[in-house]
Amino acid sequence: MAAPNIDPDHRNAAEVAPTDSYRPADPVWIYRGGMWRSGIVESASSRAATVTYRPAGSRGTGVDTLTARYLLARAEADPTLDRTQES
């Protein structure tokens, strides 16, 4: 799973999805500590989203609240983080 290689400060503001376009359980990338990390949206409002994510070098998870500039939709699955749906 390859992380994005764009600096959030260099993103075109017109191309940044607003935080309220994300829904709970949406897979995302979040920018923290100078790198993109896989995450899952817990909740979102028009101002920010709360995301559970995998910190670098850790087996656990972290939770943070971020603005839209530091979020990107993630298409690839992260088997250690993404919730699976049982039938």
PDB file of N, CA and C in Angstrom:
ATOM      1  N   MET A   1       0.856  -1.165   0.000  1.00  0.00           N
ATOM      2  CA  MET A   1       0.000   0.000   0.000  1.00  0.00           C
ATOM      3  C   MET A   1       0.903   1.230   0.000  1.00  0.00           C
ATOM      4  N   ALA A   2       0.883   1.958  -1.068  1.00  0.00           N
ATOM      5  CA  ALA A   2       1.736   3.140  -1.202  1.00  0.00           C
ATOM      6  C   ALA A   2       1.012   4.394  -0.714  1.00  0.00           C
ATOM      7  N   ALA A   3       1.663   5.107   0.175  1.00  0.00           N
ATOM      8  CA  ALA A   3       1.099   6.352   0.702  1.00  0.00           C
ATOM      9  C   ALA A   3       1.226   7.463  -0.337  1.00  0.00           C
ATOM     10  N   PRO A   4       0.356   8.462  -0.278  1.00  0.00           N
ATOM     11  CA  PRO A   4       0.473   9.608  -1.194  1.00  0.00           C
ATOM     12  C   PRO A   4       1.832  10.292  -1.019  1.00  0.00           C
ATOM     13  N   ASN A   5       2.265  10.968  -2.044  1.00  0.00           N
ATOM     14  CA  ASN A   5       3.555  11.668  -1.957  1.00  0.00           C
ATOM     15  C   ASN A   5       3.409  13.173  -2.127  1.00  0.00           C
ATOM     16  N   ILE A   6       2.249  13.703  -1.773  1.00  0.00           N
ATOM     17  CA  ILE A   6       2.004  15.145  -1.890  1.00  0.00           C
ATOM     18  C   ILE A   6       2.079  15.799  -0.505  1.00  0.00           C
ATOM     19  N   ASP A   7       2.677  16.950  -0.459  1.00  0.00           N
ATOM     20  CA  ASP A   7       2.734  17.726   0.782  1.00  0.00           C
ATOM     21  C   ASP A   7       1.395  18.449   0.935  1.00  0.00           C
ATOM     22  N   PRO A   8       0.749  18.346   2.102  1.00  0.00           N
ATOM     23  CA  PRO A   8      -0.554  19.002   2.270  1.00  0.00           C
ATOM     24  C   PRO A   8      -0.502  20.506   2.004  1.00  0.00           C
ATOM     25  N   ASP A   9       0.639  21.123   2.246  1.00  0.00           N
ATOM     26  CA  ASP A   9       0.770  22.558   2.004  1.00  0.00           C
ATOM     27  C   ASP A   9       0.804  22.906   0.524  1.00  0.00           C
ATOM     28  N   HIS A  10       1.002  21.917  -0.338  1.00  0.00           N
ATOM     29  CA  HIS A  10       1.061  22.156  -1.776  1.00  0.00           C
ATOM     30  C   HIS A  10      -0.180  21.667  -2.516  1.00  0.00           C
ATOM     31  N   ARG A  11      -1.195  21.238  -1.766  1.00  0.00           N
ATOM     32  CA  ARG A  11      -2.438  20.790  -2.401  1.00  0.00           C
ATOM     33  C   ARG A  11      -3.237  21.986  -2.893  1.00  0.00           C
ATOM     34  N   ASN A  12      -3.865  21.832  -4.038  1.00  0.00           N
ATOM     35  CA  ASN A  12      -4.745  22.850  -4.588  1.00  0.00           C
ATOM     36  C   ASN A  12      -6.018  22.874  -3.739  1.00  0.00           C
ATOM     37  N   ALA A  13      -6.294  23.990  -3.110  1.00  0.00           N
ATOM     38  CA  ALA A  13      -7.450  24.104  -2.209  1.00  0.00           C
ATOM     39  C   ALA A  13      -8.759  23.725  -2.907  1.00  0.00           C
ATOM     40  N   ALA A  14      -8.872  23.962  -4.198  1.00  0.00           N
ATOM     41  CA  ALA A  14     -10.087  23.626  -4.936  1.00  0.00           C
ATOM     42  C   ALA A  14     -10.272  22.114  -5.077  1.00  0.00           C
ATOM     43  N   GLU A  15      -9.202  21.345  -4.891  1.00  0.00           N
ATOM     44  CA  GLU A  15      -9.264  19.892  -5.032  1.00  0.00           C
ATOM     45  C   GLU A  15      -9.353  19.158  -3.687  1.00  0.00           C
ATOM     46  N   VAL A  16      -9.371  19.899  -2.592  1.00  0.00           N
ATOM     47  CA  VAL A  16      -9.451  19.283  -1.265  1.00  0.00           C
ATOM     48  C   VAL A  16     -10.920  19.057  -0.912  1.00  0.00           C
ATOM     49  N   ALA A  17     -11.279  17.798  -0.661  1.00  0.00           N
ATOM     50  CA  ALA A  17     -12.662  17.472  -0.297  1.00  0.00           C
ATOM     51  C   ALA A  17     -12.961  18.010   1.100  1.00  0.00           C
ATOM     52  N   PRO A  18     -14.126  18.614   1.308  1.00  0.00           N
ATOM     53  CA  PRO A  18     -14.469  19.109   2.649  1.00  0.00           C
ATOM     54  C   PRO A  18     -14.625  17.940   3.624  1.00  0.00           C
ATOM     55  N   THR A  19     -14.358  18.194   4.881  1.00  0.00           N
ATOM     56  CA  THR A  19     -14.420  17.115   5.870  1.00  0.00           C
ATOM     57  C   THR A  19     -15.814  16.508   5.991  1.00  0.00           C
ATOM     58  N   ASP A  20     -16.848  17.299   5.765  1.00  0.00           N
ATOM     59  CA  ASP A  20     -18.197  16.722   5.898  1.00  0.00           C
ATOM     60  C   ASP A  20     -18.600  15.854   4.702  1.00  0.00           C
ATOM     61  N   SER A  21     -17.689  15.685   3.733  1.00  0.00           N
ATOM     62  CA  SER A  21     -17.954  14.746   2.644  1.00  0.00           C
ATOM     63  C   SER A  21     -17.557  13.323   3.044  1.00  0.00           C
ATOM     64  N   TYR A  22     -16.840  13.186   4.164  1.00  0.00           N
ATOM     65  CA  TYR A  22     -16.440  11.874   4.665  1.00  0.00           C
ATOM     66  C   TYR A  22     -17.505  11.345   5.619  1.00  0.00           C
ATOM     67  N   ARG A  23     -17.648  10.028   5.657  1.00  0.00           N
ATOM     68  CA  ARG A  23     -18.624   9.362   6.517  1.00  0.00           C
ATOM     69  C   ARG A  23     -17.898   8.399   7.457  1.00  0.00           C
ATOM     70  N   PRO A  24     -18.508   8.065   8.599  1.00  0.00           N
ATOM     71  CA  PRO A  24     -17.893   7.084   9.489  1.00  0.00           C
ATOM     72  C   PRO A  24     -17.550   5.790   8.740  1.00  0.00           C
ATOM     73  N   ALA A  25     -16.380   5.252   9.033  1.00  0.00           N
ATOM     74  CA  ALA A  25     -15.821   4.028   8.446  1.00  0.00           C
ATOM     75  C   ALA A  25     -15.183   4.251   7.079  1.00  0.00           C
ATOM     76  N   ASP A  26     -15.190   5.481   6.546  1.00  0.00           N
ATOM     77  CA  ASP A  26     -14.490   5.747   5.284  1.00  0.00           C
ATOM     78  C   ASP A  26     -12.991   5.567   5.484  1.00  0.00           C
ATOM     79  N   PRO A  27     -12.319   4.861   4.567  1.00  0.00           N
ATOM     80  CA  PRO A  27     -10.868   4.740   4.643  1.00  0.00           C
ATOM     81  C   PRO A  27     -10.211   6.019   4.122  1.00  0.00           C
ATOM     82  N   VAL A  28      -9.241   6.524   4.848  1.00  0.00           N
ATOM     83  CA  VAL A  28      -8.569   7.769   4.475  1.00  0.00           C
ATOM     84  C   VAL A  28      -7.071   7.663   4.745  1.00  0.00           C
ATOM     85  N   TRP A  29      -6.354   8.622   4.190  1.00  0.00           N
ATOM     86  CA  TRP A  29      -4.969   8.894   4.558  1.00  0.00           C
ATOM     87  C   TRP A  29      -4.994  10.141   5.411  1.00  0.00           C
ATOM     88  N   ILE A  30      -4.193  10.171   6.478  1.00  0.00           N
ATOM     89  CA  ILE A  30      -4.053  11.393   7.259  1.00  0.00           C
ATOM     90  C   ILE A  30      -2.581  11.771   7.296  1.00  0.00           C
ATOM     91  N   TYR A  31      -2.319  13.059   7.342  1.00  0.00           N
ATOM     92  CA  TYR A  31      -0.942  13.543   7.378  1.00  0.00           C
ATOM     93  C   TYR A  31      -0.594  13.917   8.803  1.00  0.00           C
ATOM     94  N   ARG A  32       0.344  13.179   9.391  1.00  0.00           N
ATOM     95  CA  ARG A  32       0.796  13.413  10.762  1.00  0.00           C
ATOM     96  C   ARG A  32       2.279  13.104  10.841  1.00  0.00           C
ATOM     97  N   GLY A  33       3.017  13.941  11.549  1.00  0.00           N
ATOM     98  CA  GLY A  33       4.436  13.687  11.760  1.00  0.00           C
ATOM     99  C   GLY A  33       5.254  13.671  10.487  1.00  0.00           C
ATOM    100  N   GLY A  34       4.822  14.434   9.478  1.00  0.00           N
ATOM    101  CA  GLY A  34       5.576  14.527   8.229  1.00  0.00           C
ATOM    102  C   GLY A  34       5.359  13.388   7.258  1.00  0.00           C
ATOM    103  N   MET A  35       4.348  12.544   7.516  1.00  0.00           N
ATOM    104  CA  MET A  35       4.069  11.461   6.566  1.00  0.00           C
ATOM    105  C   MET A  35       2.584  11.108   6.568  1.00  0.00           C
ATOM    106  N   TRP A  36       2.146  10.485   5.469  1.00  0.00           N
ATOM    107  CA  TRP A  36       0.765  10.041   5.347  1.00  0.00           C
ATOM    108  C   TRP A  36       0.622   8.682   6.010  1.00  0.00           C
ATOM    109  N   ARG A  37      -0.467   8.503   6.762  1.00  0.00           N
ATOM    110  CA  ARG A  37      -0.738   7.254   7.473  1.00  0.00           C
ATOM    111  C   ARG A  37      -2.171   6.820   7.169  1.00  0.00           C
ATOM    112  N   SER A  38      -2.408   5.514   7.109  1.00  0.00           N
ATOM    113  CA  SER A  38      -3.758   5.026   6.836  1.00  0.00           C
ATOM    114  C   SER A  38      -4.638   5.236   8.065  1.00  0.00           C
ATOM    115  N   GLY A  39      -5.910   5.548   7.795  1.00  0.00           N
ATOM    116  CA  GLY A  39      -6.846   5.807   8.872  1.00  0.00           C
ATOM    117  C   GLY A  39      -8.271   5.475   8.485  1.00  0.00           C
ATOM    118  N   ILE A  40      -9.144   5.568   9.478  1.00  0.00           N
ATOM    119  CA  ILE A  40     -10.579   5.327   9.316  1.00  0.00           C
ATOM    120  C   ILE A  40     -11.323   6.486   9.973  1.00  0.00           C
ATOM    121  N   VAL A  41     -12.261   7.065   9.255  1.00  0.00           N
ATOM    122  CA  VAL A  41     -13.056   8.171   9.806  1.00  0.00           C
ATOM    123  C   VAL A  41     -13.989   7.648  10.887  1.00  0.00           C
ATOM    124  N   GLU A  42     -13.985   8.300  12.033  1.00  0.00           N
ATOM    125  CA  GLU A  42     -14.905   7.983  13.124  1.00  0.00           C
ATOM    126  C   GLU A  42     -16.122   8.904  13.079  1.00  0.00           C
ATOM    127  N   SER A  43     -15.877  10.197  12.821  1.00  0.00           N
ATOM    128  CA  SER A  43     -16.956  11.174  12.695  1.00  0.00           C
ATOM    129  C   SER A  43     -16.413  12.371  11.929  1.00  0.00           C
ATOM    130  N   ALA A  44     -17.329  13.161  11.365  1.00  0.00           N
ATOM    131  CA  ALA A  44     -16.910  14.329  10.596  1.00  0.00           C
ATOM    132  C   ALA A  44     -17.963  15.420  10.686  1.00  0.00           C
ATOM    133  N   SER A  45     -17.490  16.658  10.651  1.00  0.00           N
ATOM    134  CA  SER A  45     -18.371  17.822  10.619  1.00  0.00           C
ATOM    135  C   SER A  45     -17.875  18.724   9.502  1.00  0.00           C
ATOM    136  N   SER A  46     -18.451  19.887   9.377  1.00  0.00           N
ATOM    137  CA  SER A  46     -18.024  20.816   8.331  1.00  0.00           C
ATOM    138  C   SER A  46     -16.642  21.400   8.614  1.00  0.00           C
ATOM    139  N   ARG A  47     -16.164  21.270   9.845  1.00  0.00           N
ATOM    140  CA  ARG A  47     -14.880  21.874  10.217  1.00  0.00           C
ATOM    141  C   ARG A  47     -13.730  20.887  10.357  1.00  0.00           C
ATOM    142  N   ALA A  48     -14.027  19.638  10.768  1.00  0.00           N
ATOM    143  CA  ALA A  48     -12.952  18.674  11.023  1.00  0.00           C
ATOM    144  C   ALA A  48     -13.497  17.253  11.030  1.00  0.00           C
ATOM    145  N   ALA A  49     -12.571  16.286  10.954  1.00  0.00           N
ATOM    146  CA  ALA A  49     -12.924  14.872  11.048  1.00  0.00           C
ATOM    147  C   ALA A  49     -12.078  14.220  12.134  1.00  0.00           C
ATOM    148  N   THR A  50     -12.683  13.309  12.871  1.00  0.00           N
ATOM    149  CA  THR A  50     -11.963  12.522  13.862  1.00  0.00           C
ATOM    150  C   THR A  50     -11.641  11.185  13.213  1.00  0.00           C
ATOM    151  N   VAL A  51     -10.374  10.802  13.285  1.00  0.00           N
ATOM    152  CA  VAL A  51      -9.883   9.634  12.566  1.00  0.00           C
ATOM    153  C   VAL A  51      -9.064   8.740  13.492  1.00  0.00           C
ATOM    154  N   THR A  52      -9.284   7.430  13.404  1.00  0.00           N
ATOM    155  CA  THR A  52      -8.414   6.453  14.035  1.00  0.00           C
ATOM    156  C   THR A  52      -7.381   6.077  12.984  1.00  0.00           C
ATOM    157  N   TYR A  53      -6.111   6.067  13.365  1.00  0.00           N
ATOM    158  CA  TYR A  53      -5.052   5.812  12.385  1.00  0.00           C
ATOM    159  C   TYR A  53      -3.942   4.979  12.984  1.00  0.00           C
ATOM    160  N   ARG A  54      -3.085   4.485  12.114  1.00  0.00           N
ATOM    161  CA  ARG A  54      -1.929   3.698  12.540  1.00  0.00           C
ATOM    162  C   ARG A  54      -0.697   4.586  12.594  1.00  0.00           C
ATOM    163  N   PRO A  55      -0.177   4.852  13.795  1.00  0.00           N
ATOM    164  CA  PRO A  55       1.065   5.616  13.889  1.00  0.00           C
ATOM    165  C   PRO A  55       2.226   4.799  13.311  1.00  0.00           C
ATOM    166  N   ALA A  56       3.236   5.462  12.822  1.00  0.00           N
ATOM    167  CA  ALA A  56       4.403   4.781  12.252  1.00  0.00           C
ATOM    168  C   ALA A  56       5.133   4.003  13.329  1.00  0.00           C
ATOM    169  N   GLY A  57       5.547   2.798  12.984  1.00  0.00           N
ATOM    170  CA  GLY A  57       6.336   1.990  13.891  1.00  0.00           C
ATOM    171  C   GLY A  57       5.587   1.484  15.107  1.00  0.00           C
ATOM    172  N   SER A  58       4.273   1.429  15.030  1.00  0.00           N
ATOM    173  CA  SER A  58       3.478   1.013  16.176  1.00  0.00           C
ATOM    174  C   SER A  58       2.438  -0.010  15.756  1.00  0.00           C
ATOM    175  N   ARG A  59       2.139  -0.937  16.639  1.00  0.00           N
ATOM    176  CA  ARG A  59       1.098  -1.917  16.357  1.00  0.00           C
ATOM    177  C   ARG A  59      -0.261  -1.420  16.812  1.00  0.00           C
ATOM    178  N   GLY A  60      -0.305  -0.387  17.603  1.00  0.00           N
ATOM    179  CA  GLY A  60      -1.559   0.156  18.106  1.00  0.00           C
ATOM    180  C   GLY A  60      -2.166   1.167  17.156  1.00  0.00           C
ATOM    181  N   THR A  61      -3.113   1.929  17.669  1.00  0.00           N
ATOM    182  CA  THR A  61      -3.746   2.985  16.884  1.00  0.00           C
ATOM    183  C   THR A  61      -3.733   4.282  17.673  1.00  0.00           C
ATOM    184  N   GLY A  62      -3.927   5.365  16.951  1.00  0.00           N
ATOM    185  CA  GLY A  62      -4.073   6.681  17.544  1.00  0.00           C
ATOM    186  C   GLY A  62      -5.367   7.289  17.060  1.00  0.00           C
ATOM    187  N   VAL A  63      -5.815   8.319  17.721  1.00  0.00           N
ATOM    188  CA  VAL A  63      -7.016   9.040  17.303  1.00  0.00           C
ATOM    189  C   VAL A  63      -6.659  10.513  17.264  1.00  0.00           C
ATOM    190  N   ASP A  64      -7.070  11.179  16.181  1.00  0.00           N
ATOM    191  CA  ASP A  64      -6.769  12.596  16.042  1.00  0.00           C
ATOM    192  C   ASP A  64      -7.912  13.277  15.311  1.00  0.00           C
ATOM    193  N   THR A  65      -8.008  14.570  15.466  1.00  0.00           N
ATOM    194  CA  THR A  65      -8.998  15.380  14.759  1.00  0.00           C
ATOM    195  C   THR A  65      -8.242  16.280  13.798  1.00  0.00           C
ATOM    196  N   LEU A  66      -8.652  16.242  12.523  1.00  0.00           N
ATOM    197  CA  LEU A  66      -7.914  16.934  11.467  1.00  0.00           C
ATOM    198  C   LEU A  66      -8.835  17.758  10.583  1.00  0.00           C
ATOM    199  N   THR A  67      -8.272  18.787   9.986  1.00  0.00           N
ATOM    200  CA  THR A  67      -8.997  19.567   8.983  1.00  0.00           C
ATOM    201  C   THR A  67      -8.805  18.913   7.614  1.00  0.00           C
ATOM    202  N   ALA A  68      -9.574  19.351   6.654  1.00  0.00           N
ATOM    203  CA  ALA A  68      -9.605  18.736   5.327  1.00  0.00           C
ATOM    204  C   ALA A  68      -8.245  18.684   4.639  1.00  0.00           C
ATOM    205  N   ARG A  69      -7.431  19.677   4.834  1.00  0.00           N
ATOM    206  CA  ARG A  69      -6.123  19.733   4.167  1.00  0.00           C
ATOM    207  C   ARG A  69      -5.268  18.512   4.481  1.00  0.00           C
ATOM    208  N   TYR A  70      -5.466  17.895   5.637  1.00  0.00           N
ATOM    209  CA  TYR A  70      -4.646  16.766   6.080  1.00  0.00           C
ATOM    210  C   TYR A  70      -5.325  15.409   5.895  1.00  0.00           C
ATOM    211  N   LEU A  71      -6.361  15.365   5.043  1.00  0.00           N
ATOM    212  CA  LEU A  71      -7.095  14.133   4.746  1.00  0.00           C
ATOM    213  C   LEU A  71      -7.138  13.881   3.259  1.00  0.00           C
ATOM    214  N   LEU A  72      -7.052  12.607   2.893  1.00  0.00           N
ATOM    215  CA  LEU A  72      -7.248  12.169   1.510  1.00  0.00           C
ATOM    216  C   LEU A  72      -8.018  10.855   1.543  1.00  0.00           C
ATOM    217  N   ALA A  73      -8.901  10.654   0.583  1.00  0.00           N
ATOM    218  CA  ALA A  73      -9.592   9.366   0.486  1.00  0.00           C
ATOM    219  C   ALA A  73      -8.559   8.284   0.163  1.00  0.00           C
ATOM    220  N   ARG A  74      -8.768   7.100   0.723  1.00  0.00           N
ATOM    221  CA  ARG A  74      -7.862   5.970   0.499  1.00  0.00           C
ATOM    222  C   ARG A  74      -8.633   4.858  -0.182  1.00  0.00           C
ATOM    223  N   ALA A  75      -8.127   4.366  -1.324  1.00  0.00           N
ATOM    224  CA  ALA A  75      -8.801   3.303  -2.071  1.00  0.00           C
ATOM    225  C   ALA A  75      -8.294   1.920  -1.676  1.00  0.00           C
ATOM    226  N   GLU A  76      -7.028   1.802  -1.342  1.00  0.00           N
ATOM    227  CA  GLU A  76      -6.451   0.505  -1.010  1.00  0.00           C
ATOM    228  C   GLU A  76      -6.777   0.125   0.429  1.00  0.00           C
ATOM    229  N   ALA A  77      -7.043  -1.148   0.645  1.00  0.00           N
ATOM    230  CA  ALA A  77      -7.375  -1.633   1.985  1.00  0.00           C
ATOM    231  C   ALA A  77      -6.128  -1.759   2.851  1.00  0.00           C
ATOM    232  N   ASP A  78      -6.305  -1.504   4.119  1.00  0.00           N
ATOM    233  CA  ASP A  78      -5.275  -1.745   5.124  1.00  0.00           C
ATOM    234  C   ASP A  78      -5.814  -2.869   6.007  1.00  0.00           C
ATOM    235  N   PRO A  79      -5.348  -4.098   5.808  1.00  0.00           N
ATOM    236  CA  PRO A  79      -5.935  -5.238   6.522  1.00  0.00           C
ATOM    237  C   PRO A  79      -5.780  -5.182   8.039  1.00  0.00           C
ATOM    238  N   THR A  80      -4.845  -4.399   8.536  1.00  0.00           N
ATOM    239  CA  THR A  80      -4.682  -4.306   9.985  1.00  0.00           C
ATOM    240  C   THR A  80      -5.538  -3.215  10.606  1.00  0.00           C
ATOM    241  N   LEU A  81      -6.177  -2.399   9.781  1.00  0.00           N
ATOM    242  CA  LEU A  81      -6.957  -1.279  10.297  1.00  0.00           C
ATOM    243  C   LEU A  81      -8.408  -1.299   9.853  1.00  0.00           C
ATOM    244  N   ASP A  82      -8.640  -1.626   8.597  1.00  0.00           N
ATOM    245  CA  ASP A  82      -9.999  -1.556   8.047  1.00  0.00           C
ATOM    246  C   ASP A  82     -10.902  -2.591   8.683  1.00  0.00           C
ATOM    247  N   ARG A  83     -12.118  -2.186   8.936  1.00  0.00           N
ATOM    248  CA  ARG A  83     -13.118  -3.088   9.492  1.00  0.00           C
ATOM    249  C   ARG A  83     -13.631  -3.999   8.388  1.00  0.00           C
ATOM    250  N   THR A  84     -13.802  -5.236   8.693  1.00  0.00           N
ATOM    251  CA  THR A  84     -14.369  -6.159   7.708  1.00  0.00           C
ATOM    252  C   THR A  84     -15.831  -6.357   8.006  1.00  0.00           C
ATOM    253  N   GLN A  85     -16.611  -6.521   6.962  1.00  0.00           N
ATOM    254  CA  GLN A  85     -18.040  -6.756   7.138  1.00  0.00           C
ATOM    255  C   GLN A  85     -18.282  -8.246   7.125  1.00  0.00           C
ATOM    256  N   GLU A  86     -18.954  -8.744   8.151  1.00  0.00           N
ATOM    257  CA  GLU A  86     -19.267 -10.155   8.235  1.00  0.00           C
ATOM    258  C   GLU A  86     -20.655 -10.393   7.672  1.00  0.00           C
ATOM    259  N   SER A  87     -20.829 -11.548   7.032  1.00  0.00           N
ATOM    260  CA  SER A  87     -22.137 -11.844   6.449  1.00  0.00           C
ATOM    261  C   SER A  87     -23.047 -12.526   7.421  1.00  0.00           C
TER     262      SER A  87
END
